[in-house]
Amino acid sequence: MAHIAEHLSVEDFGRRARTSEDACAARHDQAIWLPAQGQTVAEVAAGTGFVSR
């Protein structure tokens, strides 16, 4: 299970993932936002193109 440090709220990560003009930063925010919403690491990896480690 991934642990999300609370530097930003879940809503902040979602907003940043949807509105960032930097695609790389948006994808990283998405990789934090999705598990915070209950998706598994495998689901996030499949949806973002990242690998699960």
C-alpha atoms as a PDB file:
ATOM      1  CA  MET A   1       0.000   0.000   0.000  1.00  0.00           C
ATOM      2  CA  ALA A   2       1.340   3.415  -0.947  1.00  0.00           C
ATOM      3  CA  HIS A   3       1.457   6.153   1.685  1.00  0.00           C
ATOM      4  CA  ILE A   4       0.725   9.740   0.668  1.00  0.00           C
ATOM      5  CA  ALA A   5       2.542  12.454   2.629  1.00  0.00           C
ATOM      6  CA  GLU A   6       0.178  15.314   3.362  1.00  0.00           C
ATOM      7  CA  HIS A   7       2.113  18.215   1.845  1.00  0.00           C
ATOM      8  CA  LEU A   8      -0.837  19.017  -0.413  1.00  0.00           C
ATOM      9  CA  SER A   9      -4.459  17.920  -0.170  1.00  0.00           C
ATOM     10  CA  VAL A  10      -5.876  15.206  -2.396  1.00  0.00           C
ATOM     11  CA  GLU A  11      -7.918  17.915  -4.123  1.00  0.00           C
ATOM     12  CA  ASP A  12      -4.743  19.936  -4.795  1.00  0.00           C
ATOM     13  CA  PHE A  13      -3.072  16.961  -6.481  1.00  0.00           C
ATOM     14  CA  GLY A  14      -6.179  16.359  -8.599  1.00  0.00           C
ATOM     15  CA  ARG A  15      -6.341  19.995  -9.651  1.00  0.00           C
ATOM     16  CA  ARG A  16      -2.627  20.055 -10.484  1.00  0.00           C
ATOM     17  CA  ALA A  17      -2.910  16.791 -12.459  1.00  0.00           C
ATOM     18  CA  ARG A  18      -5.727  18.242 -14.571  1.00  0.00           C
ATOM     19  CA  THR A  19      -4.464  21.797 -15.082  1.00  0.00           C
ATOM     20  CA  SER A  20      -0.666  21.726 -15.191  1.00  0.00           C
ATOM     21  CA  GLU A  21       0.868  22.940 -18.445  1.00  0.00           C
ATOM     22  CA  ASP A  22       3.891  20.717 -17.776  1.00  0.00           C
ATOM     23  CA  ALA A  23       2.874  17.213 -18.906  1.00  0.00           C
ATOM     24  CA  CYS A  24       5.602  15.499 -16.883  1.00  0.00           C
ATOM     25  CA  ALA A  25       4.613  17.300 -13.668  1.00  0.00           C
ATOM     26  CA  ALA A  26       0.929  16.579 -14.348  1.00  0.00           C
ATOM     27  CA  ARG A  27       1.658  12.856 -14.728  1.00  0.00           C
ATOM     28  CA  HIS A  28       3.606  12.824 -11.451  1.00  0.00           C
ATOM     29  CA  ASP A  29       0.745  14.584  -9.657  1.00  0.00           C
ATOM     30  CA  GLN A  30      -1.663  12.079 -11.195  1.00  0.00           C
ATOM     31  CA  ALA A  31       0.490   9.203  -9.888  1.00  0.00           C
ATOM     32  CA  ILE A  32       0.035  10.624  -6.377  1.00  0.00           C
ATOM     33  CA  TRP A  33      -3.622  11.629  -6.764  1.00  0.00           C
ATOM     34  CA  LEU A  34      -4.954   8.293  -8.075  1.00  0.00           C
ATOM     35  CA  PRO A  35      -3.817   6.069  -5.174  1.00  0.00           C
ATOM     36  CA  ALA A  36      -5.045   8.716  -2.741  1.00  0.00           C
ATOM     37  CA  GLN A  37      -8.470   8.057  -4.265  1.00  0.00           C
ATOM     38  CA  GLY A  38      -8.177   4.318  -3.660  1.00  0.00           C
ATOM     39  CA  GLN A  39      -6.605   2.999  -6.867  1.00  0.00           C
ATOM     40  CA  THR A  40      -3.990   0.291  -6.472  1.00  0.00           C
ATOM     41  CA  VAL A  41      -0.376   0.757  -7.526  1.00  0.00           C
ATOM     42  CA  ALA A  42      -0.998  -1.654 -10.427  1.00  0.00           C
ATOM     43  CA  GLU A  43      -4.036   0.371 -11.598  1.00  0.00           C
ATOM     44  CA  VAL A  44      -2.075   3.607 -11.421  1.00  0.00           C
ATOM     45  CA  ALA A  45       0.828   2.078 -13.338  1.00  0.00           C
ATOM     46  CA  ALA A  46      -1.532   0.848 -16.054  1.00  0.00           C
ATOM     47  CA  GLY A  47      -3.261   4.218 -16.334  1.00  0.00           C
ATOM     48  CA  THR A  48      -0.177   6.415 -16.329  1.00  0.00           C
ATOM     49  CA  GLY A  49       2.348   4.294 -18.193  1.00  0.00           C
ATOM     50  CA  PHE A  50       4.622   4.177 -15.154  1.00  0.00           C
ATOM     51  CA  VAL A  51       5.887   0.838 -13.874  1.00  0.00           C
ATOM     52  CA  SER A  52       5.000  -0.414 -10.408  1.00  0.00           C
ATOM     53  CA  ARG A  53       8.020  -0.895  -8.196  1.00  0.00           C
END
